[in-house]
Amino acid sequence: MSLHSQPPEHAHPTPLTYAKVAIVLALVTAVEVAIFYMESLRPIFLPAFIVLSAVKFTLVAMFYMHLRFDSRLFSGLFVGGLLLAASVIIALLALFQIIV
């Protein structure tokens, strides 16, 4: 019989941490709504929404999907995929002249 060592467990976030993340997500959403209704911010509308959407997506994936507490390899794959997807979307928007 051989003894198998298990990797050390990480500390899970407290409910307070989840509440803080939820508040940040709500604030980011409020900023998105404010940008949508402010005519003076129309020139930065699309870049702002892309950045804010990426921030929200990353927060949800890192905390609620527990990616932050997994191996750094998984985080690297996630960030790489996110950057690739964002690059393709921006390239398509530029191709169809939606952004200048």
PDB file of N, CA and C in Angstrom:
ATOM      1  N   MET A   1       0.828  -1.181   0.000  1.00  0.00           N
ATOM      2  CA  MET A   1       0.000   0.000   0.000  1.00  0.00           C
ATOM      3  C   MET A   1       0.872   1.244   0.000  1.00  0.00           C
ATOM      4  N   SER A   2       0.582   2.142  -0.890  1.00  0.00           N
ATOM      5  CA  SER A   2       1.332   3.392  -0.916  1.00  0.00           C
ATOM      6  C   SER A   2       0.410   4.529  -0.468  1.00  0.00           C
ATOM      7  N   LEU A   3       1.024   5.453   0.181  1.00  0.00           N
ATOM      8  CA  LEU A   3       0.263   6.615   0.641  1.00  0.00           C
ATOM      9  C   LEU A   3       0.275   7.686  -0.439  1.00  0.00           C
ATOM     10  N   HIS A   4      -0.887   8.163  -0.773  1.00  0.00           N
ATOM     11  CA  HIS A   4      -1.002   9.229  -1.766  1.00  0.00           C
ATOM     12  C   HIS A   4      -1.131  10.557  -1.042  1.00  0.00           C
ATOM     13  N   SER A   5      -0.272  11.469  -1.421  1.00  0.00           N
ATOM     14  CA  SER A   5      -0.389  12.791  -0.808  1.00  0.00           C
ATOM     15  C   SER A   5      -1.344  13.634  -1.634  1.00  0.00           C
ATOM     16  N   GLN A   6      -2.157  14.344  -0.943  1.00  0.00           N
ATOM     17  CA  GLN A   6      -3.124  15.210  -1.606  1.00  0.00           C
ATOM     18  C   GLN A   6      -2.601  16.627  -1.592  1.00  0.00           C
ATOM     19  N   PRO A   7      -2.915  17.376  -2.649  1.00  0.00           N
ATOM     20  CA  PRO A   7      -2.468  18.767  -2.652  1.00  0.00           C
ATOM     21  C   PRO A   7      -3.140  19.538  -1.524  1.00  0.00           C
ATOM     22  N   PRO A   8      -2.434  20.541  -0.998  1.00  0.00           N
ATOM     23  CA  PRO A   8      -3.049  21.308   0.092  1.00  0.00           C
ATOM     24  C   PRO A   8      -4.289  22.051  -0.398  1.00  0.00           C
ATOM     25  N   GLU A   9      -5.275  22.091   0.466  1.00  0.00           N
ATOM     26  CA  GLU A   9      -6.502  22.797   0.105  1.00  0.00           C
ATOM     27  C   GLU A   9      -6.311  24.286   0.286  1.00  0.00           C
ATOM     28  N   HIS A  10      -6.966  25.034  -0.562  1.00  0.00           N
ATOM     29  CA  HIS A  10      -6.887  26.486  -0.473  1.00  0.00           C
ATOM     30  C   HIS A  10      -8.047  26.989   0.371  1.00  0.00           C
ATOM     31  N   ALA A  11      -7.843  28.160   0.895  1.00  0.00           N
ATOM     32  CA  ALA A  11      -8.899  28.767   1.700  1.00  0.00           C
ATOM     33  C   ALA A  11      -9.982  29.298   0.777  1.00  0.00           C
ATOM     34  N   HIS A  12     -11.184  28.903   1.039  1.00  0.00           N
ATOM     35  CA  HIS A  12     -12.301  29.391   0.228  1.00  0.00           C
ATOM     36  C   HIS A  12     -12.688  30.788   0.700  1.00  0.00           C
ATOM     37  N   PRO A  13     -13.189  31.598  -0.218  1.00  0.00           N
ATOM     38  CA  PRO A  13     -13.606  32.951   0.184  1.00  0.00           C
ATOM     39  C   PRO A  13     -14.806  32.899   1.122  1.00  0.00           C
ATOM     40  N   THR A  14     -14.892  33.916   1.911  1.00  0.00           N
ATOM     41  CA  THR A  14     -16.003  34.006   2.851  1.00  0.00           C
ATOM     42  C   THR A  14     -17.231  34.578   2.131  1.00  0.00           C
ATOM     43  N   PRO A  15     -18.405  34.439   2.722  1.00  0.00           N
ATOM     44  CA  PRO A  15     -19.594  35.060   2.131  1.00  0.00           C
ATOM     45  C   PRO A  15     -19.443  36.574   1.959  1.00  0.00           C
ATOM     46  N   LEU A  16     -18.672  37.201   2.841  1.00  0.00           N
ATOM     47  CA  LEU A  16     -18.431  38.639   2.720  1.00  0.00           C
ATOM     48  C   LEU A  16     -17.675  38.959   1.425  1.00  0.00           C
ATOM     49  N   THR A  17     -16.739  38.109   1.055  1.00  0.00           N
ATOM     50  CA  THR A  17     -15.997  38.303  -0.195  1.00  0.00           C
ATOM     51  C   THR A  17     -16.940  38.224  -1.384  1.00  0.00           C
ATOM     52  N   TYR A  18     -17.836  37.243  -1.376  1.00  0.00           N
ATOM     53  CA  TYR A  18     -18.810  37.122  -2.459  1.00  0.00           C
ATOM     54  C   TYR A  18     -19.729  38.340  -2.514  1.00  0.00           C
ATOM     55  N   ALA A  19     -20.093  38.863  -1.363  1.00  0.00           N
ATOM     56  CA  ALA A  19     -20.946  40.063  -1.326  1.00  0.00           C
ATOM     57  C   ALA A  19     -20.197  41.268  -1.893  1.00  0.00           C
ATOM     58  N   LYS A  20     -18.911  41.391  -1.569  1.00  0.00           N
ATOM     59  CA  LYS A  20     -18.109  42.494  -2.114  1.00  0.00           C
ATOM     60  C   LYS A  20     -18.001  42.396  -3.628  1.00  0.00           C
ATOM     61  N   VAL A  21     -17.776  41.190  -4.129  1.00  0.00           N
ATOM     62  CA  VAL A  21     -17.689  40.998  -5.581  1.00  0.00           C
ATOM     63  C   VAL A  21     -19.030  41.342  -6.231  1.00  0.00           C
ATOM     64  N   ALA A  22     -20.127  40.944  -5.607  1.00  0.00           N
ATOM     65  CA  ALA A  22     -21.455  41.263  -6.144  1.00  0.00           C
ATOM     66  C   ALA A  22     -21.680  42.771  -6.180  1.00  0.00           C
ATOM     67  N   ILE A  23     -21.209  43.480  -5.163  1.00  0.00           N
ATOM     68  CA  ILE A  23     -21.347  44.941  -5.140  1.00  0.00           C
ATOM     69  C   ILE A  23     -20.531  45.563  -6.263  1.00  0.00           C
ATOM     70  N   VAL A  24     -19.314  45.068  -6.470  1.00  0.00           N
ATOM     71  CA  VAL A  24     -18.479  45.587  -7.564  1.00  0.00           C
ATOM     72  C   VAL A  24     -19.157  45.327  -8.909  1.00  0.00           C
ATOM     73  N   LEU A  25     -19.725  44.139  -9.082  1.00  0.00           N
ATOM     74  CA  LEU A  25     -20.432  43.825 -10.323  1.00  0.00           C
ATOM     75  C   LEU A  25     -21.628  44.756 -10.528  1.00  0.00           C
ATOM     76  N   ALA A  26     -22.344  45.047  -9.459  1.00  0.00           N
ATOM     77  CA  ALA A  26     -23.486  45.963  -9.558  1.00  0.00           C
ATOM     78  C   ALA A  26     -23.019  47.374  -9.917  1.00  0.00           C
ATOM     79  N   LEU A  27     -21.901  47.813  -9.351  1.00  0.00           N
ATOM     80  CA  LEU A  27     -21.368  49.140  -9.671  1.00  0.00           C
ATOM     81  C   LEU A  27     -20.915  49.221 -11.129  1.00  0.00           C
ATOM     82  N   VAL A  28     -20.267  48.181 -11.614  1.00  0.00           N
ATOM     83  CA  VAL A  28     -19.836  48.166 -13.013  1.00  0.00           C
ATOM     84  C   VAL A  28     -21.059  48.211 -13.930  1.00  0.00           C
ATOM     85  N   THR A  29     -22.100  47.484 -13.568  1.00  0.00           N
ATOM     86  CA  THR A  29     -23.336  47.509 -14.357  1.00  0.00           C
ATOM     87  C   THR A  29     -23.962  48.908 -14.327  1.00  0.00           C
ATOM     88  N   ALA A  30     -23.926  49.569 -13.186  1.00  0.00           N
ATOM     89  CA  ALA A  30     -24.458  50.932 -13.087  1.00  0.00           C
ATOM     90  C   ALA A  30     -23.667  51.889 -13.973  1.00  0.00           C
ATOM     91  N   VAL A  31     -22.356  51.710 -14.041  1.00  0.00           N
ATOM     92  CA  VAL A  31     -21.532  52.544 -14.921  1.00  0.00           C
ATOM     93  C   VAL A  31     -21.900  52.287 -16.378  1.00  0.00           C
ATOM     94  N   GLU A  32     -22.133  51.035 -16.732  1.00  0.00           N
ATOM     95  CA  GLU A  32     -22.550  50.710 -18.097  1.00  0.00           C
ATOM     96  C   GLU A  32     -23.869  51.409 -18.452  1.00  0.00           C
ATOM     97  N   VAL A  33     -24.813  51.359 -17.559  1.00  0.00           N
ATOM     98  CA  VAL A  33     -26.107  52.010 -17.801  1.00  0.00           C
ATOM     99  C   VAL A  33     -25.925  53.515 -17.925  1.00  0.00           C
ATOM    100  N   ALA A  34     -25.080  54.092 -17.075  1.00  0.00           N
ATOM    101  CA  ALA A  34     -24.839  55.534 -17.133  1.00  0.00           C
ATOM    102  C   ALA A  34     -24.199  55.922 -18.466  1.00  0.00           C
ATOM    103  N   ILE A  35     -23.233  55.144 -18.918  1.00  0.00           N
ATOM    104  CA  ILE A  35     -22.578  55.431 -20.204  1.00  0.00           C
ATOM    105  C   ILE A  35     -23.593  55.355 -21.337  1.00  0.00           C
ATOM    106  N   PHE A  36     -24.495  54.408 -21.274  1.00  0.00           N
ATOM    107  CA  PHE A  36     -25.490  54.238 -22.330  1.00  0.00           C
ATOM    108  C   PHE A  36     -26.398  55.462 -22.459  1.00  0.00           C
ATOM    109  N   TYR A  37     -26.752  56.063 -21.335  1.00  0.00           N
ATOM    110  CA  TYR A  37     -27.696  57.179 -21.362  1.00  0.00           C
ATOM    111  C   TYR A  37     -27.045  58.557 -21.465  1.00  0.00           C
ATOM    112  N   MET A  38     -25.733  58.643 -21.382  1.00  0.00           N
ATOM    113  CA  MET A  38     -25.058  59.948 -21.459  1.00  0.00           C
ATOM    114  C   MET A  38     -24.581  60.190 -22.887  1.00  0.00           C
ATOM    115  N   GLU A  39     -25.188  61.175 -23.520  1.00  0.00           N
ATOM    116  CA  GLU A  39     -24.856  61.499 -24.914  1.00  0.00           C
ATOM    117  C   GLU A  39     -23.403  61.938 -25.070  1.00  0.00           C
ATOM    118  N   SER A  40     -22.855  62.604 -24.068  1.00  0.00           N
ATOM    119  CA  SER A  40     -21.481  63.105 -24.165  1.00  0.00           C
ATOM    120  C   SER A  40     -20.443  61.985 -24.197  1.00  0.00           C
ATOM    121  N   LEU A  41     -20.841  60.792 -23.768  1.00  0.00           N
ATOM    122  CA  LEU A  41     -19.906  59.663 -23.740  1.00  0.00           C
ATOM    123  C   LEU A  41     -20.056  58.737 -24.946  1.00  0.00           C
ATOM    124  N   ARG A  42     -20.815  59.146 -25.956  1.00  0.00           N
ATOM    125  CA  ARG A  42     -21.008  58.321 -27.153  1.00  0.00           C
ATOM    126  C   ARG A  42     -19.701  57.945 -27.856  1.00  0.00           C
ATOM    127  N   PRO A  43     -18.694  58.849 -27.908  1.00  0.00           N
ATOM    128  CA  PRO A  43     -17.454  58.466 -28.594  1.00  0.00           C
ATOM    129  C   PRO A  43     -16.714  57.297 -27.936  1.00  0.00           C
ATOM    130  N   ILE A  44     -16.870  57.145 -26.628  1.00  0.00           N
ATOM    131  CA  ILE A  44     -16.184  56.036 -25.951  1.00  0.00           C
ATOM    132  C   ILE A  44     -17.124  54.886 -25.608  1.00  0.00           C
ATOM    133  N   PHE A  45     -18.316  54.923 -26.145  1.00  0.00           N
ATOM    134  CA  PHE A  45     -19.344  53.927 -25.828  1.00  0.00           C
ATOM    135  C   PHE A  45     -18.850  52.494 -26.049  1.00  0.00           C
ATOM    136  N   LEU A  46     -18.407  52.185 -27.249  1.00  0.00           N
ATOM    137  CA  LEU A  46     -18.022  50.814 -27.579  1.00  0.00           C
ATOM    138  C   LEU A  46     -16.777  50.354 -26.831  1.00  0.00           C
ATOM    139  N   PRO A  47     -15.676  51.129 -26.808  1.00  0.00           N
ATOM    140  CA  PRO A  47     -14.512  50.668 -26.043  1.00  0.00           C
ATOM    141  C   PRO A  47     -14.815  50.484 -24.554  1.00  0.00           C
ATOM    142  N   ALA A  48     -15.615  51.389 -24.003  1.00  0.00           N
ATOM    143  CA  ALA A  48     -15.957  51.282 -22.585  1.00  0.00           C
ATOM    144  C   ALA A  48     -16.754  50.011 -22.304  1.00  0.00           C
ATOM    145  N   PHE A  49     -17.710  49.702 -23.181  1.00  0.00           N
ATOM    146  CA  PHE A  49     -18.509  48.501 -22.978  1.00  0.00           C
ATOM    147  C   PHE A  49     -17.676  47.238 -23.119  1.00  0.00           C
ATOM    148  N   ILE A  50     -16.724  47.243 -24.037  1.00  0.00           N
ATOM    149  CA  ILE A  50     -15.851  46.074 -24.201  1.00  0.00           C
ATOM    150  C   ILE A  50     -15.026  45.851 -22.941  1.00  0.00           C
ATOM    151  N   VAL A  51     -14.439  46.918 -22.422  1.00  0.00           N
ATOM    152  CA  VAL A  51     -13.614  46.804 -21.218  1.00  0.00           C
ATOM    153  C   VAL A  51     -14.460  46.400 -20.011  1.00  0.00           C
ATOM    154  N   LEU A  52     -15.593  47.058 -19.813  1.00  0.00           N
ATOM    155  CA  LEU A  52     -16.440  46.754 -18.655  1.00  0.00           C
ATOM    156  C   LEU A  52     -17.005  45.337 -18.726  1.00  0.00           C
ATOM    157  N   SER A  53     -17.328  44.873 -19.921  1.00  0.00           N
ATOM    158  CA  SER A  53     -17.817  43.499 -20.069  1.00  0.00           C
ATOM    159  C   SER A  53     -16.721  42.498 -19.736  1.00  0.00           C
ATOM    160  N   ALA A  54     -15.499  42.784 -20.162  1.00  0.00           N
ATOM    161  CA  ALA A  54     -14.375  41.901 -19.846  1.00  0.00           C
ATOM    162  C   ALA A  54     -14.115  41.863 -18.340  1.00  0.00           C
ATOM    163  N   VAL A  55     -14.240  43.021 -17.694  1.00  0.00           N
ATOM    164  CA  VAL A  55     -14.046  43.081 -16.236  1.00  0.00           C
ATOM    165  C   VAL A  55     -15.100  42.229 -15.532  1.00  0.00           C
ATOM    166  N   LYS A  56     -16.352  42.395 -15.923  1.00  0.00           N
ATOM    167  CA  LYS A  56     -17.419  41.617 -15.279  1.00  0.00           C
ATOM    168  C   LYS A  56     -17.256  40.124 -15.540  1.00  0.00           C
ATOM    169  N   PHE A  57     -16.946  39.763 -16.774  1.00  0.00           N
ATOM    170  CA  PHE A  57     -16.767  38.358 -17.118  1.00  0.00           C
ATOM    171  C   PHE A  57     -15.628  37.744 -16.304  1.00  0.00           C
ATOM    172  N   THR A  58     -14.526  38.490 -16.178  1.00  0.00           N
ATOM    173  CA  THR A  58     -13.377  37.998 -15.425  1.00  0.00           C
ATOM    174  C   THR A  58     -13.712  37.840 -13.945  1.00  0.00           C
ATOM    175  N   LEU A  59     -14.396  38.806 -13.370  1.00  0.00           N
ATOM    176  CA  LEU A  59     -14.771  38.699 -11.954  1.00  0.00           C
ATOM    177  C   LEU A  59     -15.662  37.486 -11.698  1.00  0.00           C
ATOM    178  N   VAL A  60     -16.628  37.285 -12.565  1.00  0.00           N
ATOM    179  CA  VAL A  60     -17.529  36.134 -12.391  1.00  0.00           C
ATOM    180  C   VAL A  60     -16.747  34.831 -12.514  1.00  0.00           C
ATOM    181  N   ALA A  61     -15.884  34.749 -13.512  1.00  0.00           N
ATOM    182  CA  ALA A  61     -15.126  33.511 -13.715  1.00  0.00           C
ATOM    183  C   ALA A  61     -14.138  33.270 -12.573  1.00  0.00           C
ATOM    184  N   MET A  62     -13.488  34.307 -12.116  1.00  0.00           N
ATOM    185  CA  MET A  62     -12.472  34.135 -11.080  1.00  0.00           C
ATOM    186  C   MET A  62     -13.065  33.802  -9.713  1.00  0.00           C
ATOM    187  N   PHE A  63     -14.188  34.402  -9.384  1.00  0.00           N
ATOM    188  CA  PHE A  63     -14.726  34.177  -8.043  1.00  0.00           C
ATOM    189  C   PHE A  63     -15.849  33.138  -8.021  1.00  0.00           C
ATOM    190  N   TYR A  64     -16.863  33.331  -8.829  1.00  0.00           N
ATOM    191  CA  TYR A  64     -18.021  32.452  -8.734  1.00  0.00           C
ATOM    192  C   TYR A  64     -17.777  31.095  -9.381  1.00  0.00           C
ATOM    193  N   MET A  65     -16.829  31.043 -10.328  1.00  0.00           N
ATOM    194  CA  MET A  65     -16.475  29.749 -10.918  1.00  0.00           C
ATOM    195  C   MET A  65     -15.210  29.192 -10.264  1.00  0.00           C
ATOM    196  N   HIS A  66     -14.704  29.876  -9.224  1.00  0.00           N
ATOM    197  CA  HIS A  66     -13.555  29.451  -8.425  1.00  0.00           C
ATOM    198  C   HIS A  66     -12.270  29.318  -9.225  1.00  0.00           C
ATOM    199  N   LEU A  67     -12.158  29.989 -10.356  1.00  0.00           N
ATOM    200  CA  LEU A  67     -10.952  29.914 -11.169  1.00  0.00           C
ATOM    201  C   LEU A  67      -9.767  30.539 -10.453  1.00  0.00           C
ATOM    202  N   ARG A  68     -10.024  31.516  -9.635  1.00  0.00           N
ATOM    203  CA  ARG A  68      -8.951  32.188  -8.897  1.00  0.00           C
ATOM    204  C   ARG A  68      -8.237  31.220  -7.961  1.00  0.00           C
ATOM    205  N   PHE A  69      -8.908  30.195  -7.530  1.00  0.00           N
ATOM    206  CA  PHE A  69      -8.350  29.282  -6.550  1.00  0.00           C
ATOM    207  C   PHE A  69      -7.829  27.997  -7.173  1.00  0.00           C
ATOM    208  N   ASP A  70      -7.889  27.886  -8.495  1.00  0.00           N
ATOM    209  CA  ASP A  70      -7.360  26.722  -9.199  1.00  0.00           C
ATOM    210  C   ASP A  70      -5.926  26.998  -9.634  1.00  0.00           C
ATOM    211  N   SER A  71      -5.385  26.080 -10.383  1.00  0.00           N
ATOM    212  CA  SER A  71      -4.023  26.206 -10.879  1.00  0.00           C
ATOM    213  C   SER A  71      -3.879  27.456 -11.756  1.00  0.00           C
ATOM    214  N   ARG A  72      -2.682  28.045 -11.740  1.00  0.00           N
ATOM    215  CA  ARG A  72      -2.420  29.224 -12.560  1.00  0.00           C
ATOM    216  C   ARG A  72      -2.489  28.885 -14.042  1.00  0.00           C
ATOM    217  N   LEU A  73      -2.296  27.629 -14.377  1.00  0.00           N
ATOM    218  CA  LEU A  73      -2.419  27.202 -15.765  1.00  0.00           C
ATOM    219  C   LEU A  73      -3.832  27.469 -16.272  1.00  0.00           C
ATOM    220  N   PHE A  74      -4.830  27.163 -15.470  1.00  0.00           N
ATOM    221  CA  PHE A  74      -6.218  27.392 -15.869  1.00  0.00           C
ATOM    222  C   PHE A  74      -6.496  28.884 -16.037  1.00  0.00           C
ATOM    223  N   SER A  75      -5.940  29.690 -15.144  1.00  0.00           N
ATOM    224  CA  SER A  75      -6.111  31.144 -15.272  1.00  0.00           C
ATOM    225  C   SER A  75      -5.455  31.652 -16.550  1.00  0.00           C
ATOM    226  N   GLY A  76      -4.279  31.119 -16.864  1.00  0.00           N
ATOM    227  CA  GLY A  76      -3.593  31.514 -18.089  1.00  0.00           C
ATOM    228  C   GLY A  76      -4.382  31.128 -19.331  1.00  0.00           C
ATOM    229  N   LEU A  77      -4.942  29.932 -19.331  1.00  0.00           N
ATOM    230  CA  LEU A  77      -5.765  29.504 -20.458  1.00  0.00           C
ATOM    231  C   LEU A  77      -7.009  30.378 -20.588  1.00  0.00           C
ATOM    232  N   PHE A  78      -7.604  30.725 -19.467  1.00  0.00           N
ATOM    233  CA  PHE A  78      -8.792  31.577 -19.481  1.00  0.00           C
ATOM    234  C   PHE A  78      -8.466  32.956 -20.031  1.00  0.00           C
ATOM    235  N   VAL A  79      -7.403  33.564 -19.512  1.00  0.00           N
ATOM    236  CA  VAL A  79      -7.042  34.916 -19.951  1.00  0.00           C
ATOM    237  C   VAL A  79      -6.630  34.897 -21.420  1.00  0.00           C
ATOM    238  N   GLY A  80      -5.889  33.875 -21.828  1.00  0.00           N
ATOM    239  CA  GLY A  80      -5.505  33.758 -23.231  1.00  0.00           C
ATOM    240  C   GLY A  80      -6.716  33.648 -24.140  1.00  0.00           C
ATOM    241  N   GLY A  81      -7.669  32.828 -23.764  1.00  0.00           N
ATOM    242  CA  GLY A  81      -8.902  32.688 -24.539  1.00  0.00           C
ATOM    243  C   GLY A  81      -9.710  33.964 -24.571  1.00  0.00           C
ATOM    244  N   LEU A  82      -9.757  34.660 -23.432  1.00  0.00           N
ATOM    245  CA  LEU A  82     -10.485  35.928 -23.364  1.00  0.00           C
ATOM    246  C   LEU A  82      -9.848  36.967 -24.277  1.00  0.00           C
ATOM    247  N   LEU A  83      -8.516  37.056 -24.259  1.00  0.00           N
ATOM    248  CA  LEU A  83      -7.826  38.014 -25.128  1.00  0.00           C
ATOM    249  C   LEU A  83      -8.007  37.661 -26.599  1.00  0.00           C
ATOM    250  N   LEU A  84      -7.957  36.382 -26.919  1.00  0.00           N
ATOM    251  CA  LEU A  84      -8.161  35.956 -28.304  1.00  0.00           C
ATOM    252  C   LEU A  84      -9.578  36.306 -28.771  1.00  0.00           C
ATOM    253  N   ALA A  85     -10.563  36.008 -27.938  1.00  0.00           N
ATOM    254  CA  ALA A  85     -11.950  36.307 -28.301  1.00  0.00           C
ATOM    255  C   ALA A  85     -12.160  37.815 -28.466  1.00  0.00           C
ATOM    256  N   ALA A  86     -11.611  38.603 -27.554  1.00  0.00           N
ATOM    257  CA  ALA A  86     -11.747  40.057 -27.649  1.00  0.00           C
ATOM    258  C   ALA A  86     -11.073  40.578 -28.912  1.00  0.00           C
ATOM    259  N   SER A  87      -9.924  40.019 -29.255  1.00  0.00           N
ATOM    260  CA  SER A  87      -9.221  40.445 -30.471  1.00  0.00           C
ATOM    261  C   SER A  87     -10.039  40.138 -31.718  1.00  0.00           C
ATOM    262  N   VAL A  88     -10.645  38.969 -31.757  1.00  0.00           N
ATOM    263  CA  VAL A  88     -11.466  38.598 -32.918  1.00  0.00           C
ATOM    264  C   VAL A  88     -12.685  39.502 -33.027  1.00  0.00           C
ATOM    265  N   ILE A  89     -13.319  39.787 -31.907  1.00  0.00           N
ATOM    266  CA  ILE A  89     -14.499  40.655 -31.920  1.00  0.00           C
ATOM    267  C   ILE A  89     -14.129  42.062 -32.376  1.00  0.00           C
ATOM    268  N   ILE A  90     -13.037  42.588 -31.858  1.00  0.00           N
ATOM    269  CA  ILE A  90     -12.605  43.931 -32.252  1.00  0.00           C
ATOM    270  C   ILE A  90     -12.230  43.959 -33.734  1.00  0.00           C
ATOM    271  N   ALA A  91     -11.562  42.909 -34.206  1.00  0.00           N
ATOM    272  CA  ALA A  91     -11.206  42.841 -35.623  1.00  0.00           C
ATOM    273  C   ALA A  91     -12.459  42.801 -36.501  1.00  0.00           C
ATOM    274  N   LEU A  92     -13.461  42.050 -36.096  1.00  0.00           N
ATOM    275  CA  LEU A  92     -14.713  42.001 -36.870  1.00  0.00           C
ATOM    276  C   LEU A  92     -15.437  43.337 -36.858  1.00  0.00           C
ATOM    277  N   LEU A  93     -15.443  44.001 -35.710  1.00  0.00           N
ATOM    278  CA  LEU A  93     -16.063  45.325 -35.637  1.00  0.00           C
ATOM    279  C   LEU A  93     -15.339  46.311 -36.547  1.00  0.00           C
ATOM    280  N   ALA A  94     -14.025  46.235 -36.610  1.00  0.00           N
ATOM    281  CA  ALA A  94     -13.262  47.117 -37.486  1.00  0.00           C
ATOM    282  C   ALA A  94     -13.488  46.735 -38.944  1.00  0.00           C
ATOM    283  N   LEU A  95     -13.568  45.441 -39.234  1.00  0.00           N
ATOM    284  CA  LEU A  95     -13.779  44.979 -40.599  1.00  0.00           C
ATOM    285  C   LEU A  95     -15.097  45.496 -41.164  1.00  0.00           C
ATOM    286  N   PHE A  96     -16.121  45.468 -40.364  1.00  0.00           N
ATOM    287  CA  PHE A  96     -17.437  45.920 -40.816  1.00  0.00           C
ATOM    288  C   PHE A  96     -17.660  47.405 -40.518  1.00  0.00           C
ATOM    289  N   GLN A  97     -16.580  48.105 -40.178  1.00  0.00           N
ATOM    290  CA  GLN A  97     -16.567  49.543 -39.971  1.00  0.00           C
ATOM    291  C   GLN A  97     -17.556  50.013 -38.921  1.00  0.00           C
ATOM    292  N   ILE A  98     -17.730  49.206 -37.898  1.00  0.00           N
ATOM    293  CA  ILE A  98     -18.575  49.610 -36.782  1.00  0.00           C
ATOM    294  C   ILE A  98     -17.769  50.499 -35.840  1.00  0.00           C
ATOM    295  N   ILE A  99     -16.462  50.202 -35.751  1.00  0.00           N
ATOM    296  CA  ILE A  99     -15.566  51.091 -35.021  1.00  0.00           C
ATOM    297  C   ILE A  99     -14.560  51.645 -36.014  1.00  0.00           C
ATOM    298  N   VAL A 100     -14.061  52.797 -35.739  1.00  0.00           N
ATOM    299  CA  VAL A 100     -13.137  53.446 -36.680  1.00  0.00           C
ATOM    300  C   VAL A 100     -11.724  53.264 -36.237  1.00  0.00           C
TER     301      VAL A 100
END
